[in-house]
C-alpha atoms as a PDB file:
ATOM      1  CA  UNK A   1      12.821  36.362-149.206  1.00  0.00           C
ATOM      2  CA  UNK A   2      10.671  33.144-148.662  1.00  0.00           C
ATOM      3  CA  UNK A   3      10.651  33.791-144.805  1.00  0.00           C
ATOM      4  CA  UNK A   4      10.376  36.971-145.082  1.00  0.00           C
ATOM      5  CA  UNK A   5       6.814  36.398-146.749  1.00  0.00           C
ATOM      6  CA  UNK A   6       5.776  33.991-144.657  1.00  0.00           C
ATOM      7  CA  UNK A   7       7.182  36.217-141.369  1.00  0.00           C
ATOM      8  CA  UNK A   8       4.874  38.772-142.815  1.00  0.00           C
ATOM      9  CA  UNK A   9       2.165  36.945-143.783  1.00  0.00           C
ATOM     10  CA  UNK A  10       2.003  35.451-140.292  1.00  0.00           C
ATOM     11  CA  UNK A  11       2.083  38.565-138.642  1.00  0.00           C
ATOM     12  CA  UNK A  12      -0.709  39.806-140.717  1.00  0.00           C
ATOM     13  CA  UNK A  13      -3.070  37.136-139.971  1.00  0.00           C
ATOM     14  CA  UNK A  14      -2.223  37.116-136.000  1.00  0.00           C
ATOM     15  CA  UNK A  15      -3.050  41.172-135.976  1.00  0.00           C
ATOM     16  CA  UNK A  16      -6.100  40.833-138.373  1.00  0.00           C
ATOM     17  CA  UNK A  17      -7.474  37.888-135.834  1.00  0.00           C
ATOM     18  CA  UNK A  18      -6.708  39.972-132.532  1.00  0.00           C
ATOM     19  CA  UNK A  19      -8.594  42.411-133.546  1.00  0.00           C
ATOM     20  CA  UNK A  20     -11.524  40.460-135.363  1.00  0.00           C
ATOM     21  CA  UNK A  21     -11.567  38.438-131.752  1.00  0.00           C
ATOM     22  CA  UNK A  22     -12.031  42.418-129.974  1.00  0.00           C
ATOM     23  CA  UNK A  23     -14.670  43.166-132.079  1.00  0.00           C
ATOM     24  CA  UNK A  24     -16.280  40.494-131.695  1.00  0.00           C
ATOM     25  CA  UNK A  25     -16.370  39.970-127.953  1.00  0.00           C
ATOM     26  CA  UNK A  26     -17.310  43.742-127.665  1.00  0.00           C
ATOM     27  CA  UNK A  27     -20.443  43.322-129.917  1.00  0.00           C
ATOM     28  CA  UNK A  28     -21.922  40.639-127.986  1.00  0.00           C
ATOM     29  CA  UNK A  29     -23.146  42.408-125.008  1.00  0.00           C
ATOM     30  CA  UNK A  30     -26.630  42.359-124.948  1.00  0.00           C
ATOM     31  CA  UNK A  31     -28.176  43.904-121.814  1.00  0.00           C
ATOM     32  CA  UNK A  32     -30.510  41.459-120.244  1.00  0.00           C
ATOM     33  CA  UNK A  33     -34.557  42.967-120.000  1.00  0.00           C
ATOM     34  CA  UNK A  34     -35.301  42.168-115.989  1.00  0.00           C
ATOM     35  CA  UNK A  35     -38.865  42.310-116.763  1.00  0.00           C
ATOM     36  CA  UNK A  36     -38.375  38.924-118.697  1.00  0.00           C
ATOM     37  CA  UNK A  37     -37.783  37.211-114.959  1.00  0.00           C
ATOM     38  CA  UNK A  38     -40.890  36.637-112.955  1.00  0.00           C
ATOM     39  CA  UNK A  39     -40.745  34.823-109.111  1.00  0.00           C
ATOM     40  CA  UNK A  40     -43.516  32.408-109.674  1.00  0.00           C
ATOM     41  CA  UNK A  41     -42.799  29.860-106.901  1.00  0.00           C
ATOM     42  CA  UNK A  42     -40.931  28.718-103.697  1.00  0.00           C
ATOM     43  CA  UNK A  43     -39.211  25.616-103.033  1.00  0.00           C
ATOM     44  CA  UNK A  44     -37.788  25.224 -99.727  1.00  0.00           C
ATOM     45  CA  UNK A  45     -35.579  28.056 -99.673  1.00  0.00           C
ATOM     46  CA  UNK A  46     -35.458  28.946-103.000  1.00  0.00           C
ATOM     47  CA  UNK A  47     -37.325  30.851-105.599  1.00  0.00           C
ATOM     48  CA  UNK A  48     -38.736  29.478-108.617  1.00  0.00           C
ATOM     49  CA  UNK A  49     -38.076  31.884-111.667  1.00  0.00           C
ATOM     50  CA  UNK A  50     -40.046  32.050-115.334  1.00  0.00           C
ATOM     51  CA  UNK A  51     -37.675  33.205-118.000  1.00  0.00           C
ATOM     52  CA  UNK A  52     -39.686  34.733-120.977  1.00  0.00           C
ATOM     53  CA  UNK A  53     -36.654  35.834-123.495  1.00  0.00           C
ATOM     54  CA  UNK A  54     -38.232  38.861-126.123  1.00  0.00           C
ATOM     55  CA  UNK A  55     -41.651  38.354-124.296  1.00  0.00           C
ATOM     56  CA  UNK A  56     -41.931  35.078-126.508  1.00  0.00           C
ATOM     57  CA  UNK A  57     -44.389  32.377-125.274  1.00  0.00           C
ATOM     58  CA  UNK A  58     -41.884  30.387-124.837  1.00  0.00           C
ATOM     59  CA  UNK A  59     -41.501  30.099-121.015  1.00  0.00           C
ATOM     60  CA  UNK A  60     -37.760  28.581-119.422  1.00  0.00           C
ATOM     61  CA  UNK A  61     -37.732  28.122-115.419  1.00  0.00           C
ATOM     62  CA  UNK A  62     -34.964  27.722-112.900  1.00  0.00           C
ATOM     63  CA  UNK A  63     -34.489  27.541-109.564  1.00  0.00           C
ATOM     64  CA  UNK A  64     -32.782  30.642-107.285  1.00  0.00           C
ATOM     65  CA  UNK A  65     -31.289  29.795-104.070  1.00  0.00           C
ATOM     66  CA  UNK A  66     -29.127  32.564-102.556  1.00  0.00           C
ATOM     67  CA  UNK A  67     -26.127  31.326-100.542  1.00  0.00           C
ATOM     68  CA  UNK A  68     -26.202  32.875 -97.673  1.00  0.00           C
ATOM     69  CA  UNK A  69     -29.712  33.376 -96.302  1.00  0.00           C
END
């Protein structure tokens, strides 16, 4: 009886864990607002892009270089 209880408990935990994993992976998808990105400069073949998440006063900068120009 102890083995049956342990196996059943493990099965329930596995099924619930898998369900939680599926739900969280589907619910974390947030679309990216393209208006948050702005090309502000160039460096050689690359664009310097300013990113303002949620239109906040905090800016993040990165370089975007296309591989096949």
